[in-house]
Amino acid sequence: MNRPFIGISMGDPAGIGPEVILKHLIYEPSSKHKLVVFGSPNIFEYYLERFNLAMQINYIDSQENISKSYKDGELNIVAAGNFNIKDLTVGKVNAKCGDIAFKSFIKAIDAAKKDHICAIVTAPFNKEAVNLSGHKYSGHTEILAEKTNTKNYVMMLVAKRFRIALVTTHISLREVPKLITKQRVLKTIRITNNDLKRWFGIEKPKIAVASLNPHNSEGGLMGDEEEKHIIPAIKQARNEGIDVEGTFSADTIFVKDKRSKYDCFVTMYHDQGLSVLKALYFDTSVNITLGIPVIRTSPDHGTAFDIAGKFMANHRSFTEAVRQAYRMARWKQRKA
């Protein structure tokens, strides 16, 4: 089986994206896959010099030539546009940095759609910088959904075999109850079940669903979302043949015996699930977008402008994102 090509979108050059990419390439070499960066070569030249690192850059002139031009042991890069290094101010929000980060991601998406790469790993970009550059999106996922014509998608965080899928994501806590509907919960369960089969090779996924309210609402004493929306969604999913159980109170759903029993946990809002995952696996958790036609993973951290350019960034989460993308790409190859 051929070694899969995994594309890396550069992220914001003013943040830690280029640093964690370089650290991964230098400190975590692997013969299992082939990594190709989409970005601006002069940015990597800048950081190699700034950090006093030695690595040969292989300039690939187009995504169509990735396969024949790739060189092992080098930083293989497909240019995603011109960037004047004088416009780089490390650790600062900058519209021109947002623009090249956006273009790098678009280039990677296009390469994935055309099967020049098997998966995308996204280094972090700054949402403010991307919007200042004229690209009005709230994040990677929304861009990816639009460019792949995907209406329904799910954010899942993974660390080892601990997986959490979210019904709602980056919204105010006061807005959450309004969005906990039967259809939304059912959609999350369906997409999670389908992609655990499609990308992870889990033949019969076992899924647990958390309640919204404490103690499953104590029979309606603390809310009725469980009875009105969440439990009906679970019942319908079961009728469709999905192995799903719940609702479970969020204060006990993640105890050790349940973490080993279930393949994924569906939680109602961001902090309900991710506070636990990050407490256990802060440096190694990975963000995965489900429901889209291409594989996309990312490290579970931001641009970290406060430590950018200081050679302080931990690359472990990025390395885990690459490893996760590789495992998913291998399963994709086996099914092809």
Foldseek 3Di string as FASTA:
>chain_A
DDAFEEEEQQAQLLFCSLVLVVCCLVVPDDPRHAYEYEFAVVSNVVLCVLVVHDFAEQEDAALVCCVVRGDPRHHHYYYQDDDDCVQHDHLDQALSSLVRSVSSLVRNLVSCVVPSGQAYEYEFYDQVSVVVVPNDDPDDVVVQCVVQVHDAKWKWKDDPQEIEIELEEPDDPVCLVVSQAQVSLLSRLVQVQVVCCQQVVDPAFAEEEEAPFAPNCVVVVNHCSCVHHVVVSVVVVVVVVHNYDDHDGLVPCPPDVNSVVGSYYYYRYHCSPVVVVCVVPVQAMKMWMTRGPGTYIYQPDHRPSVCTSVSPDDNRNVSNRVVSSSSRSVSNVVVD
